[in-house]
Amino acid sequence: MHSLDRESLVRILVEPKNALVKQYQKFFEMEEVELEFTGDALQSIADQALRRGTGARGLRAILEEVLLNTMYDLPGRTDVGRVIIDVPSVLEKANPTLIPREVVSRTARPRRAAS
């Protein structure tokens, strides 16, 4: 059996139909909040799984550690429209970036072509 590398673990996080990132995005959608991971954050999650020696099985635990507080806080927050997970959120357990719902709804509107 060969061990998975960083790229393989990142693909496991995002590519399968039931990928972990997609599962958490669906969970956040129930609160009408978009969940976004930066590419560097996904690589940091994969790196943590490699360091821990947990491989793909450890990815869920790492994601839960990163998202736990936010998942509990969101139901009481109506002002948040998007949550962005970046490297400090993963490595330093820093709070993720919370984008106000008002800003998300403004940026989600289709833009007219410049004339």
PDB file of N, CA and C in Angstrom:
ATOM      1  N   MET A   1       0.843  -1.175   0.000  1.00  0.00           N
ATOM      2  CA  MET A   1       0.000   0.000   0.000  1.00  0.00           C
ATOM      3  C   MET A   1       0.896   1.249   0.000  1.00  0.00           C
ATOM      4  N   HIS A   2       0.598   2.208  -0.855  1.00  0.00           N
ATOM      5  CA  HIS A   2       1.386   3.435  -0.896  1.00  0.00           C
ATOM      6  C   HIS A   2       0.663   4.528  -0.122  1.00  0.00           C
ATOM      7  N   SER A   3       1.440   5.425   0.442  1.00  0.00           N
ATOM      8  CA  SER A   3       0.829   6.510   1.201  1.00  0.00           C
ATOM      9  C   SER A   3       0.419   7.630   0.246  1.00  0.00           C
ATOM     10  N   LEU A   4      -0.571   8.364   0.668  1.00  0.00           N
ATOM     11  CA  LEU A   4      -1.072   9.469  -0.138  1.00  0.00           C
ATOM     12  C   LEU A   4      -0.190  10.692   0.054  1.00  0.00           C
ATOM     13  N   ASP A   5      -0.052  11.470  -1.011  1.00  0.00           N
ATOM     14  CA  ASP A   5       0.701  12.710  -0.905  1.00  0.00           C
ATOM     15  C   ASP A   5      -0.272  13.881  -0.709  1.00  0.00           C
ATOM     16  N   ARG A   6       0.286  15.060  -0.566  1.00  0.00           N
ATOM     17  CA  ARG A   6      -0.519  16.252  -0.316  1.00  0.00           C
ATOM     18  C   ARG A   6      -1.571  16.463  -1.402  1.00  0.00           C
ATOM     19  N   GLU A   7      -1.154  16.373  -2.651  1.00  0.00           N
ATOM     20  CA  GLU A   7      -2.079  16.604  -3.765  1.00  0.00           C
ATOM     21  C   GLU A   7      -3.243  15.617  -3.728  1.00  0.00           C
ATOM     22  N   SER A   8      -2.961  14.362  -3.432  1.00  0.00           N
ATOM     23  CA  SER A   8      -4.019  13.345  -3.359  1.00  0.00           C
ATOM     24  C   SER A   8      -5.006  13.664  -2.243  1.00  0.00           C
ATOM     25  N   LEU A   9      -4.495  14.097  -1.106  1.00  0.00           N
ATOM     26  CA  LEU A   9      -5.375  14.428   0.016  1.00  0.00           C
ATOM     27  C   LEU A   9      -6.246  15.642  -0.300  1.00  0.00           C
ATOM     28  N   VAL A  10      -5.680  16.638  -0.961  1.00  0.00           N
ATOM     29  CA  VAL A  10      -6.477  17.808  -1.355  1.00  0.00           C
ATOM     30  C   VAL A  10      -7.581  17.374  -2.314  1.00  0.00           C
ATOM     31  N   ARG A  11      -7.248  16.501  -3.248  1.00  0.00           N
ATOM     32  CA  ARG A  11      -8.266  16.011  -4.189  1.00  0.00           C
ATOM     33  C   ARG A  11      -9.364  15.248  -3.454  1.00  0.00           C
ATOM     34  N   ILE A  12      -8.993  14.473  -2.452  1.00  0.00           N
ATOM     35  CA  ILE A  12      -9.986  13.749  -1.654  1.00  0.00           C
ATOM     36  C   ILE A  12     -10.909  14.740  -0.941  1.00  0.00           C
ATOM     37  N   LEU A  13     -10.375  15.863  -0.522  1.00  0.00           N
ATOM     38  CA  LEU A  13     -11.183  16.879   0.161  1.00  0.00           C
ATOM     39  C   LEU A  13     -12.233  17.502  -0.748  1.00  0.00           C
ATOM     40  N   VAL A  14     -11.929  17.637  -2.046  1.00  0.00           N
ATOM     41  CA  VAL A  14     -12.807  18.445  -2.906  1.00  0.00           C
ATOM     42  C   VAL A  14     -13.441  17.728  -4.091  1.00  0.00           C
ATOM     43  N   GLU A  15     -12.867  16.634  -4.573  1.00  0.00           N
ATOM     44  CA  GLU A  15     -13.328  16.084  -5.841  1.00  0.00           C
ATOM     45  C   GLU A  15     -14.480  15.081  -5.791  1.00  0.00           C
ATOM     46  N   PRO A  16     -14.480  14.110  -4.887  1.00  0.00           N
ATOM     47  CA  PRO A  16     -15.564  13.117  -4.943  1.00  0.00           C
ATOM     48  C   PRO A  16     -16.936  13.760  -4.771  1.00  0.00           C
ATOM     49  N   LYS A  17     -17.950  13.053  -5.238  1.00  0.00           N
ATOM     50  CA  LYS A  17     -19.318  13.558  -5.124  1.00  0.00           C
ATOM     51  C   LYS A  17     -19.660  13.869  -3.661  1.00  0.00           C
ATOM     52  N   ASN A  18     -19.192  13.027  -2.757  1.00  0.00           N
ATOM     53  CA  ASN A  18     -19.473  13.220  -1.332  1.00  0.00           C
ATOM     54  C   ASN A  18     -18.246  13.748  -0.582  1.00  0.00           C
ATOM     55  N   ALA A  19     -17.454  14.566  -1.254  1.00  0.00           N
ATOM     56  CA  ALA A  19     -16.226  15.121  -0.664  1.00  0.00           C
ATOM     57  C   ALA A  19     -16.540  15.862   0.635  1.00  0.00           C
ATOM     58  N   LEU A  20     -15.596  15.807   1.560  1.00  0.00           N
ATOM     59  CA  LEU A  20     -15.793  16.446   2.862  1.00  0.00           C
ATOM     60  C   LEU A  20     -16.101  17.936   2.742  1.00  0.00           C
ATOM     61  N   VAL A  21     -15.377  18.632   1.895  1.00  0.00           N
ATOM     62  CA  VAL A  21     -15.623  20.071   1.734  1.00  0.00           C
ATOM     63  C   VAL A  21     -17.054  20.302   1.257  1.00  0.00           C
ATOM     64  N   LYS A  22     -17.518  19.498   0.319  1.00  0.00           N
ATOM     65  CA  LYS A  22     -18.892  19.644  -0.185  1.00  0.00           C
ATOM     66  C   LYS A  22     -19.912  19.363   0.917  1.00  0.00           C
ATOM     67  N   GLN A  23     -19.624  18.379   1.773  1.00  0.00           N
ATOM     68  CA  GLN A  23     -20.535  18.075   2.882  1.00  0.00           C
ATOM     69  C   GLN A  23     -20.661  19.270   3.826  1.00  0.00           C
ATOM     70  N   TYR A  24     -19.537  19.858   4.171  1.00  0.00           N
ATOM     71  CA  TYR A  24     -19.580  21.018   5.067  1.00  0.00           C
ATOM     72  C   TYR A  24     -20.221  22.222   4.383  1.00  0.00           C
ATOM     73  N   GLN A  25     -20.003  22.388   3.089  1.00  0.00           N
ATOM     74  CA  GLN A  25     -20.653  23.486   2.372  1.00  0.00           C
ATOM     75  C   GLN A  25     -22.171  23.322   2.413  1.00  0.00           C
ATOM     76  N   LYS A  26     -22.655  22.097   2.270  1.00  0.00           N
ATOM     77  CA  LYS A  26     -24.102  21.841   2.354  1.00  0.00           C
ATOM     78  C   LYS A  26     -24.620  22.178   3.751  1.00  0.00           C
ATOM     79  N   PHE A  27     -23.851  21.795   4.762  1.00  0.00           N
ATOM     80  CA  PHE A  27     -24.240  22.102   6.138  1.00  0.00           C
ATOM     81  C   PHE A  27     -24.374  23.617   6.326  1.00  0.00           C
ATOM     82  N   PHE A  28     -23.413  24.367   5.842  1.00  0.00           N
ATOM     83  CA  PHE A  28     -23.445  25.821   5.980  1.00  0.00           C
ATOM     84  C   PHE A  28     -24.581  26.414   5.152  1.00  0.00           C
ATOM     85  N   GLU A  29     -24.885  25.806   4.001  1.00  0.00           N
ATOM     86  CA  GLU A  29     -25.994  26.291   3.173  1.00  0.00           C
ATOM     87  C   GLU A  29     -27.315  26.234   3.928  1.00  0.00           C
ATOM     88  N   MET A  30     -27.446  25.271   4.847  1.00  0.00           N
ATOM     89  CA  MET A  30     -28.677  25.190   5.647  1.00  0.00           C
ATOM     90  C   MET A  30     -28.860  26.447   6.488  1.00  0.00           C
ATOM     91  N   GLU A  31     -27.769  27.128   6.780  1.00  0.00           N
ATOM     92  CA  GLU A  31     -27.812  28.403   7.508  1.00  0.00           C
ATOM     93  C   GLU A  31     -27.756  29.586   6.539  1.00  0.00           C
ATOM     94  N   GLU A  32     -27.875  29.285   5.249  1.00  0.00           N
ATOM     95  CA  GLU A  32     -27.806  30.292   4.187  1.00  0.00           C
ATOM     96  C   GLU A  32     -26.483  31.050   4.218  1.00  0.00           C
ATOM     97  N   VAL A  33     -25.408  30.289   4.421  1.00  0.00           N
ATOM     98  CA  VAL A  33     -24.059  30.844   4.480  1.00  0.00           C
ATOM     99  C   VAL A  33     -23.179  30.068   3.509  1.00  0.00           C
ATOM    100  N   GLU A  34     -22.380  30.790   2.735  1.00  0.00           N
ATOM    101  CA  GLU A  34     -21.421  30.155   1.831  1.00  0.00           C
ATOM    102  C   GLU A  34     -20.161  29.818   2.622  1.00  0.00           C
ATOM    103  N   LEU A  35     -19.606  28.645   2.363  1.00  0.00           N
ATOM    104  CA  LEU A  35     -18.352  28.237   2.992  1.00  0.00           C
ATOM    105  C   LEU A  35     -17.303  28.122   1.903  1.00  0.00           C
ATOM    106  N   GLU A  36     -16.198  28.814   2.092  1.00  0.00           N
ATOM    107  CA  GLU A  36     -15.131  28.844   1.094  1.00  0.00           C
ATOM    108  C   GLU A  36     -13.799  28.523   1.773  1.00  0.00           C
ATOM    109  N   PHE A  37     -13.004  27.699   1.110  1.00  0.00           N
ATOM    110  CA  PHE A  37     -11.654  27.382   1.577  1.00  0.00           C
ATOM    111  C   PHE A  37     -10.666  27.944   0.573  1.00  0.00           C
ATOM    112  N   THR A  38      -9.620  28.598   1.046  1.00  0.00           N
ATOM    113  CA  THR A  38      -8.568  29.013   0.123  1.00  0.00           C
ATOM    114  C   THR A  38      -7.777  27.768  -0.267  1.00  0.00           C
ATOM    115  N   GLY A  39      -7.110  27.826  -1.404  1.00  0.00           N
ATOM    116  CA  GLY A  39      -6.283  26.703  -1.836  1.00  0.00           C
ATOM    117  C   GLY A  39      -5.192  26.384  -0.836  1.00  0.00           C
ATOM    118  N   ASP A  40      -4.591  27.426  -0.272  1.00  0.00           N
ATOM    119  CA  ASP A  40      -3.544  27.225   0.730  1.00  0.00           C
ATOM    120  C   ASP A  40      -4.095  26.560   1.989  1.00  0.00           C
ATOM    121  N   ALA A  41      -5.328  26.886   2.348  1.00  0.00           N
ATOM    122  CA  ALA A  41      -5.941  26.266   3.528  1.00  0.00           C
ATOM    123  C   ALA A  41      -6.136  24.771   3.292  1.00  0.00           C
ATOM    124  N   LEU A  42      -6.595  24.406   2.104  1.00  0.00           N
ATOM    125  CA  LEU A  42      -6.774  22.986   1.783  1.00  0.00           C
ATOM    126  C   LEU A  42      -5.441  22.252   1.843  1.00  0.00           C
ATOM    127  N   GLN A  43      -4.395  22.889   1.341  1.00  0.00           N
ATOM    128  CA  GLN A  43      -3.068  22.268   1.399  1.00  0.00           C
ATOM    129  C   GLN A  43      -2.594  22.132   2.842  1.00  0.00           C
ATOM    130  N   SER A  44      -2.900  23.102   3.680  1.00  0.00           N
ATOM    131  CA  SER A  44      -2.521  23.033   5.094  1.00  0.00           C
ATOM    132  C   SER A  44      -3.256  21.906   5.814  1.00  0.00           C
ATOM    133  N   ILE A  45      -4.519  21.700   5.461  1.00  0.00           N
ATOM    134  CA  ILE A  45      -5.288  20.593   6.040  1.00  0.00           C
ATOM    135  C   ILE A  45      -4.651  19.269   5.638  1.00  0.00           C
ATOM    136  N   ALA A  46      -4.298  19.142   4.359  1.00  0.00           N
ATOM    137  CA  ALA A  46      -3.636  17.921   3.880  1.00  0.00           C
ATOM    138  C   ALA A  46      -2.295  17.721   4.582  1.00  0.00           C
ATOM    139  N   ASP A  47      -1.537  18.793   4.748  1.00  0.00           N
ATOM    140  CA  ASP A  47      -0.241  18.708   5.432  1.00  0.00           C
ATOM    141  C   ASP A  47      -0.404  18.232   6.874  1.00  0.00           C
ATOM    142  N   GLN A  48      -1.444  18.719   7.548  1.00  0.00           N
ATOM    143  CA  GLN A  48      -1.682  18.282   8.926  1.00  0.00           C
ATOM    144  C   GLN A  48      -1.972  16.786   8.975  1.00  0.00           C
ATOM    145  N   ALA A  49      -2.773  16.304   8.031  1.00  0.00           N
ATOM    146  CA  ALA A  49      -3.076  14.868   7.991  1.00  0.00           C
ATOM    147  C   ALA A  49      -1.798  14.064   7.754  1.00  0.00           C
ATOM    148  N   LEU A  50      -0.923  14.571   6.905  1.00  0.00           N
ATOM    149  CA  LEU A  50       0.351  13.888   6.651  1.00  0.00           C
ATOM    150  C   LEU A  50       1.223  13.889   7.906  1.00  0.00           C
ATOM    151  N   ARG A  51       1.310  15.034   8.578  1.00  0.00           N
ATOM    152  CA  ARG A  51       2.129  15.127   9.803  1.00  0.00           C
ATOM    153  C   ARG A  51       1.612  14.202  10.897  1.00  0.00           C
ATOM    154  N   ARG A  52       0.301  14.112  11.000  1.00  0.00           N
ATOM    155  CA  ARG A  52      -0.301  13.256  12.026  1.00  0.00           C
ATOM    156  C   ARG A  52      -0.231  11.775  11.650  1.00  0.00           C
ATOM    157  N   GLY A  53       0.040  11.516  10.372  1.00  0.00           N
ATOM    158  CA  GLY A  53       0.080  10.134   9.908  1.00  0.00           C
ATOM    159  C   GLY A  53      -1.300   9.502   9.805  1.00  0.00           C
ATOM    160  N   THR A  54      -2.326  10.343   9.689  1.00  0.00           N
ATOM    161  CA  THR A  54      -3.699   9.836   9.652  1.00  0.00           C
ATOM    162  C   THR A  54      -4.237   9.667   8.241  1.00  0.00           C
ATOM    163  N   GLY A  55      -3.542  10.231   7.267  1.00  0.00           N
ATOM    164  CA  GLY A  55      -3.980  10.094   5.880  1.00  0.00           C
ATOM    165  C   GLY A  55      -5.383  10.633   5.673  1.00  0.00           C
ATOM    166  N   ALA A  56      -6.101  10.013   4.739  1.00  0.00           N
ATOM    167  CA  ALA A  56      -7.437  10.482   4.377  1.00  0.00           C
ATOM    168  C   ALA A  56      -8.412  10.371   5.544  1.00  0.00           C
ATOM    169  N   ARG A  57      -8.239   9.360   6.393  1.00  0.00           N
ATOM    170  CA  ARG A  57      -9.157   9.179   7.522  1.00  0.00           C
ATOM    171  C   ARG A  57      -9.103  10.347   8.499  1.00  0.00           C
ATOM    172  N   GLY A  58      -7.983  11.022   8.572  1.00  0.00           N
ATOM    173  CA  GLY A  58      -7.845  12.127   9.509  1.00  0.00           C
ATOM    174  C   GLY A  58      -8.376  13.454   9.010  1.00  0.00           C
ATOM    175  N   LEU A  59      -8.740  13.518   7.737  1.00  0.00           N
ATOM    176  CA  LEU A  59      -9.187  14.795   7.171  1.00  0.00           C
ATOM    177  C   LEU A  59     -10.444  15.325   7.854  1.00  0.00           C
ATOM    178  N   ARG A  60     -11.408  14.441   8.123  1.00  0.00           N
ATOM    179  CA  ARG A  60     -12.657  14.876   8.758  1.00  0.00           C
ATOM    180  C   ARG A  60     -12.378  15.477  10.142  1.00  0.00           C
ATOM    181  N   ALA A  61     -11.531  14.829  10.916  1.00  0.00           N
ATOM    182  CA  ALA A  61     -11.226  15.334  12.259  1.00  0.00           C
ATOM    183  C   ALA A  61     -10.590  16.722  12.188  1.00  0.00           C
ATOM    184  N   ILE A  62      -9.703  16.913  11.234  1.00  0.00           N
ATOM    185  CA  ILE A  62      -9.047  18.216  11.087  1.00  0.00           C
ATOM    186  C   ILE A  62     -10.072  19.276  10.691  1.00  0.00           C
ATOM    187  N   LEU A  63     -10.946  18.945   9.737  1.00  0.00           N
ATOM    188  CA  LEU A  63     -11.986  19.897   9.331  1.00  0.00           C
ATOM    189  C   LEU A  63     -12.898  20.240  10.505  1.00  0.00           C
ATOM    190  N   GLU A  64     -13.248  19.237  11.299  1.00  0.00           N
ATOM    191  CA  GLU A  64     -14.109  19.501  12.456  1.00  0.00           C
ATOM    192  C   GLU A  64     -13.430  20.446  13.440  1.00  0.00           C
ATOM    193  N   GLU A  65     -12.137  20.260  13.660  1.00  0.00           N
ATOM    194  CA  GLU A  65     -11.401  21.161  14.553  1.00  0.00           C
ATOM    195  C   GLU A  65     -11.436  22.595  14.027  1.00  0.00           C
ATOM    196  N   VAL A  66     -11.270  22.738  12.727  1.00  0.00           N
ATOM    197  CA  VAL A  66     -11.223  24.068  12.109  1.00  0.00           C
ATOM    198  C   VAL A  66     -12.598  24.741  12.135  1.00  0.00           C
ATOM    199  N   LEU A  67     -13.660  23.956  11.925  1.00  0.00           N
ATOM    200  CA  LEU A  67     -14.994  24.529  11.735  1.00  0.00           C
ATOM    201  C   LEU A  67     -15.896  24.502  12.963  1.00  0.00           C
ATOM    202  N   LEU A  68     -15.500  23.787  13.999  1.00  0.00           N
ATOM    203  CA  LEU A  68     -16.387  23.540  15.135  1.00  0.00           C
ATOM    204  C   LEU A  68     -17.007  24.807  15.724  1.00  0.00           C
ATOM    205  N   ASN A  69     -16.200  25.761  16.127  1.00  0.00           N
ATOM    206  CA  ASN A  69     -16.747  26.975  16.751  1.00  0.00           C
ATOM    207  C   ASN A  69     -17.668  27.732  15.810  1.00  0.00           C
ATOM    208  N   THR A  70     -17.281  27.817  14.560  1.00  0.00           N
ATOM    209  CA  THR A  70     -18.100  28.537  13.580  1.00  0.00           C
ATOM    210  C   THR A  70     -19.437  27.840  13.383  1.00  0.00           C
ATOM    211  N   MET A  71     -19.428  26.503  13.329  1.00  0.00           N
ATOM    212  CA  MET A  71     -20.684  25.763  13.137  1.00  0.00           C
ATOM    213  C   MET A  71     -21.642  25.995  14.307  1.00  0.00           C
ATOM    214  N   TYR A  72     -21.108  26.143  15.512  1.00  0.00           N
ATOM    215  CA  TYR A  72     -21.968  26.392  16.667  1.00  0.00           C
ATOM    216  C   TYR A  72     -22.423  27.844  16.749  1.00  0.00           C
ATOM    217  N   ASP A  73     -21.620  28.764  16.268  1.00  0.00           N
ATOM    218  CA  ASP A  73     -21.969  30.182  16.328  1.00  0.00           C
ATOM    219  C   ASP A  73     -22.970  30.599  15.250  1.00  0.00           C
ATOM    220  N   LEU A  74     -22.903  29.981  14.090  1.00  0.00           N
ATOM    221  CA  LEU A  74     -23.712  30.438  12.952  1.00  0.00           C
ATOM    222  C   LEU A  74     -25.218  30.449  13.185  1.00  0.00           C
ATOM    223  N   PRO A  75     -25.799  29.433  13.817  1.00  0.00           N
ATOM    224  CA  PRO A  75     -27.260  29.478  13.972  1.00  0.00           C
ATOM    225  C   PRO A  75     -27.767  30.730  14.688  1.00  0.00           C
ATOM    226  N   GLY A  76     -26.961  31.332  15.519  1.00  0.00           N
ATOM    227  CA  GLY A  76     -27.362  32.549  16.211  1.00  0.00           C
ATOM    228  C   GLY A  76     -26.992  33.826  15.481  1.00  0.00           C
ATOM    229  N   ARG A  77     -26.383  33.689  14.317  1.00  0.00           N
ATOM    230  CA  ARG A  77     -25.909  34.864  13.574  1.00  0.00           C
ATOM    231  C   ARG A  77     -26.683  34.985  12.264  1.00  0.00           C
ATOM    232  N   THR A  78     -27.360  36.091  12.083  1.00  0.00           N
ATOM    233  CA  THR A  78     -28.070  36.313  10.823  1.00  0.00           C
ATOM    234  C   THR A  78     -27.314  37.277   9.924  1.00  0.00           C
ATOM    235  N   ASP A  79     -26.200  37.805  10.427  1.00  0.00           N
ATOM    236  CA  ASP A  79     -25.453  38.814   9.682  1.00  0.00           C
ATOM    237  C   ASP A  79     -24.366  38.224   8.786  1.00  0.00           C
ATOM    238  N   VAL A  80     -24.069  36.934   8.917  1.00  0.00           N
ATOM    239  CA  VAL A  80     -22.960  36.322   8.179  1.00  0.00           C
ATOM    240  C   VAL A  80     -23.474  35.696   6.883  1.00  0.00           C
ATOM    241  N   GLY A  81     -22.821  36.045   5.769  1.00  0.00           N
ATOM    242  CA  GLY A  81     -23.202  35.501   4.472  1.00  0.00           C
ATOM    243  C   GLY A  81     -22.179  34.547   3.894  1.00  0.00           C
ATOM    244  N   ARG A  82     -20.925  34.697   4.315  1.00  0.00           N
ATOM    245  CA  ARG A  82     -19.861  33.824   3.794  1.00  0.00           C
ATOM    246  C   ARG A  82     -18.802  33.642   4.876  1.00  0.00           C
ATOM    247  N   VAL A  83     -18.269  32.428   4.941  1.00  0.00           N
ATOM    248  CA  VAL A  83     -17.174  32.104   5.851  1.00  0.00           C
ATOM    249  C   VAL A  83     -15.997  31.667   4.989  1.00  0.00           C
ATOM    250  N   ILE A  84     -14.848  32.295   5.200  1.00  0.00           N
ATOM    251  CA  ILE A  84     -13.656  31.948   4.426  1.00  0.00           C
ATOM    252  C   ILE A  84     -12.623  31.338   5.366  1.00  0.00           C
ATOM    253  N   ILE A  85     -12.241  30.101   5.048  1.00  0.00           N
ATOM    254  CA  ILE A  85     -11.225  29.397   5.818  1.00  0.00           C
ATOM    255  C   ILE A  85      -9.894  29.594   5.107  1.00  0.00           C
ATOM    256  N   ASP A  86      -8.930  30.165   5.842  1.00  0.00           N
ATOM    257  CA  ASP A  86      -7.603  30.403   5.281  1.00  0.00           C
ATOM    258  C   ASP A  86      -6.555  29.693   6.139  1.00  0.00           C
ATOM    259  N   VAL A  87      -5.293  29.876   5.812  1.00  0.00           N
ATOM    260  CA  VAL A  87      -4.212  29.175   6.516  1.00  0.00           C
ATOM    261  C   VAL A  87      -4.217  29.464   8.021  1.00  0.00           C
ATOM    262  N   PRO A  88      -4.324  30.728   8.467  1.00  0.00           N
ATOM    263  CA  PRO A  88      -4.351  30.950   9.917  1.00  0.00           C
ATOM    264  C   PRO A  88      -5.512  30.220  10.616  1.00  0.00           C
ATOM    265  N   SER A  89      -6.643  30.081   9.929  1.00  0.00           N
ATOM    266  CA  SER A  89      -7.771  29.339  10.500  1.00  0.00           C
ATOM    267  C   SER A  89      -7.391  27.886  10.748  1.00  0.00           C
ATOM    268  N   VAL A  90      -6.571  27.342   9.867  1.00  0.00           N
ATOM    269  CA  VAL A  90      -6.174  25.937   9.965  1.00  0.00           C
ATOM    270  C   VAL A  90      -5.015  25.765  10.940  1.00  0.00           C
ATOM    271  N   LEU A  91      -3.954  26.519  10.746  1.00  0.00           N
ATOM    272  CA  LEU A  91      -2.727  26.289  11.510  1.00  0.00           C
ATOM    273  C   LEU A  91      -2.728  26.927  12.893  1.00  0.00           C
ATOM    274  N   GLU A  92      -3.343  28.093  13.012  1.00  0.00           N
ATOM    275  CA  GLU A  92      -3.289  28.836  14.273  1.00  0.00           C
ATOM    276  C   GLU A  92      -4.618  28.817  15.012  1.00  0.00           C
ATOM    277  N   LYS A  93      -5.579  28.103  14.456  1.00  0.00           N
ATOM    278  CA  LYS A  93      -6.933  28.057  15.027  1.00  0.00           C
ATOM    279  C   LYS A  93      -7.530  29.458  15.147  1.00  0.00           C
ATOM    280  N   ALA A  94      -7.102  30.351  14.254  1.00  0.00           N
ATOM    281  CA  ALA A  94      -7.654  31.710  14.219  1.00  0.00           C
ATOM    282  C   ALA A  94      -9.091  31.644  13.712  1.00  0.00           C
ATOM    283  N   ASN A  95      -9.872  32.626  14.087  1.00  0.00           N
ATOM    284  CA  ASN A  95     -11.238  32.678  13.581  1.00  0.00           C
ATOM    285  C   ASN A  95     -11.206  32.872  12.070  1.00  0.00           C
ATOM    286  N   PRO A  96     -12.125  32.218  11.367  1.00  0.00           N
ATOM    287  CA  PRO A  96     -12.185  32.430   9.922  1.00  0.00           C
ATOM    288  C   PRO A  96     -12.681  33.838   9.613  1.00  0.00           C
ATOM    289  N   THR A  97     -12.520  34.232   8.369  1.00  0.00           N
ATOM    290  CA  THR A  97     -13.033  35.524   7.928  1.00  0.00           C
ATOM    291  C   THR A  97     -14.534  35.393   7.720  1.00  0.00           C
ATOM    292  N   LEU A  98     -15.291  36.263   8.352  1.00  0.00           N
ATOM    293  CA  LEU A  98     -16.747  36.267   8.207  1.00  0.00           C
ATOM    294  C   LEU A  98     -17.136  37.465   7.353  1.00  0.00           C
ATOM    295  N   ILE A  99     -17.797  37.187   6.247  1.00  0.00           N
ATOM    296  CA  ILE A  99     -18.229  38.248   5.334  1.00  0.00           C
ATOM    297  C   ILE A  99     -19.710  38.522   5.603  1.00  0.00           C
ATOM    298  N   PRO A 100     -20.066  39.784   5.834  1.00  0.00           N
ATOM    299  CA  PRO A 100     -21.470  40.100   6.108  1.00  0.00           C
ATOM    300  C   PRO A 100     -22.391  39.689   4.958  1.00  0.00           C
ATOM    301  N   ARG A 101     -23.572  39.246   5.321  1.00  0.00           N
ATOM    302  CA  ARG A 101     -24.584  38.820   4.341  1.00  0.00           C
ATOM    303  C   ARG A 101     -24.857  39.932   3.332  1.00  0.00           C
ATOM    304  N   GLU A 102     -24.895  41.163   3.803  1.00  0.00           N
ATOM    305  CA  GLU A 102     -25.159  42.315   2.940  1.00  0.00           C
ATOM    306  C   GLU A 102     -24.105  42.428   1.831  1.00  0.00           C
ATOM    307  N   VAL A 103     -22.855  42.208   2.162  1.00  0.00           N
ATOM    308  CA  VAL A 103     -21.768  42.286   1.177  1.00  0.00           C
ATOM    309  C   VAL A 103     -21.872  41.125   0.192  1.00  0.00           C
ATOM    310  N   VAL A 104     -22.170  39.937   0.694  1.00  0.00           N
ATOM    311  CA  VAL A 104     -22.279  38.755  -0.164  1.00  0.00           C
ATOM    312  C   VAL A 104     -23.414  38.926  -1.158  1.00  0.00           C
ATOM    313  N   SER A 105     -24.556  39.444  -0.703  1.00  0.00           N
ATOM    314  CA  SER A 105     -25.687  39.609  -1.615  1.00  0.00           C
ATOM    315  C   SER A 105     -25.400  40.668  -2.672  1.00  0.00           C
ATOM    316  N   ARG A 106     -24.623  41.687  -2.311  1.00  0.00           N
ATOM    317  CA  ARG A 106     -24.258  42.716  -3.308  1.00  0.00           C
ATOM    318  C   ARG A 106     -23.319  42.148  -4.356  1.00  0.00           C
ATOM    319  N   THR A 107     -22.359  41.344  -3.932  1.00  0.00           N
ATOM    320  CA  THR A 107     -21.377  40.812  -4.877  1.00  0.00           C
ATOM    321  C   THR A 107     -21.929  39.651  -5.684  1.00  0.00           C
ATOM    322  N   ALA A 108     -23.016  39.050  -5.234  1.00  0.00           N
ATOM    323  CA  ALA A 108     -23.583  37.906  -5.943  1.00  0.00           C
ATOM    324  C   ALA A 108     -24.456  38.329  -7.118  1.00  0.00           C
ATOM    325  N   ARG A 109     -24.831  39.592  -7.156  1.00  0.00           N
ATOM    326  CA  ARG A 109     -25.674  40.063  -8.261  1.00  0.00           C
ATOM    327  C   ARG A 109     -24.891  40.056  -9.566  1.00  0.00           C
ATOM    328  N   PRO A 110     -25.566  39.714 -10.657  1.00  0.00           N
ATOM    329  CA  PRO A 110     -24.869  39.756 -11.948  1.00  0.00           C
ATOM    330  C   PRO A 110     -24.431  41.180 -12.269  1.00  0.00           C
ATOM    331  N   ARG A 111     -23.259  41.288 -12.796  1.00  0.00           N
ATOM    332  CA  ARG A 111     -22.733  42.613 -13.149  1.00  0.00           C
ATOM    333  C   ARG A 111     -22.952  42.871 -14.628  1.00  0.00           C
ATOM    334  N   ARG A 112     -23.204  44.121 -14.935  1.00  0.00           N
ATOM    335  CA  ARG A 112     -23.359  44.496 -16.342  1.00  0.00           C
ATOM    336  C   ARG A 112     -21.993  44.654 -16.975  1.00  0.00           C
ATOM    337  N   ALA A 113     -21.938  44.357 -18.236  1.00  0.00           N
ATOM    338  CA  ALA A 113     -20.680  44.541 -18.969  1.00  0.00           C
ATOM    339  C   ALA A 113     -20.382  46.029 -19.063  1.00  0.00           C
ATOM    340  N   ALA A 114     -19.130  46.359 -18.949  1.00  0.00           N
ATOM    341  CA  ALA A 114     -18.730  47.769 -19.059  1.00  0.00           C
ATOM    342  C   ALA A 114     -18.943  48.240 -20.486  1.00  0.00           C
ATOM    343  N   SER A 115     -19.430  49.468 -20.625  1.00  0.00           N
ATOM    344  CA  SER A 115     -19.647  49.978 -21.989  1.00  0.00           C
ATOM    345  C   SER A 115     -18.614  50.978 -22.381  1.00  0.00           C
TER     346      SER A 115
END
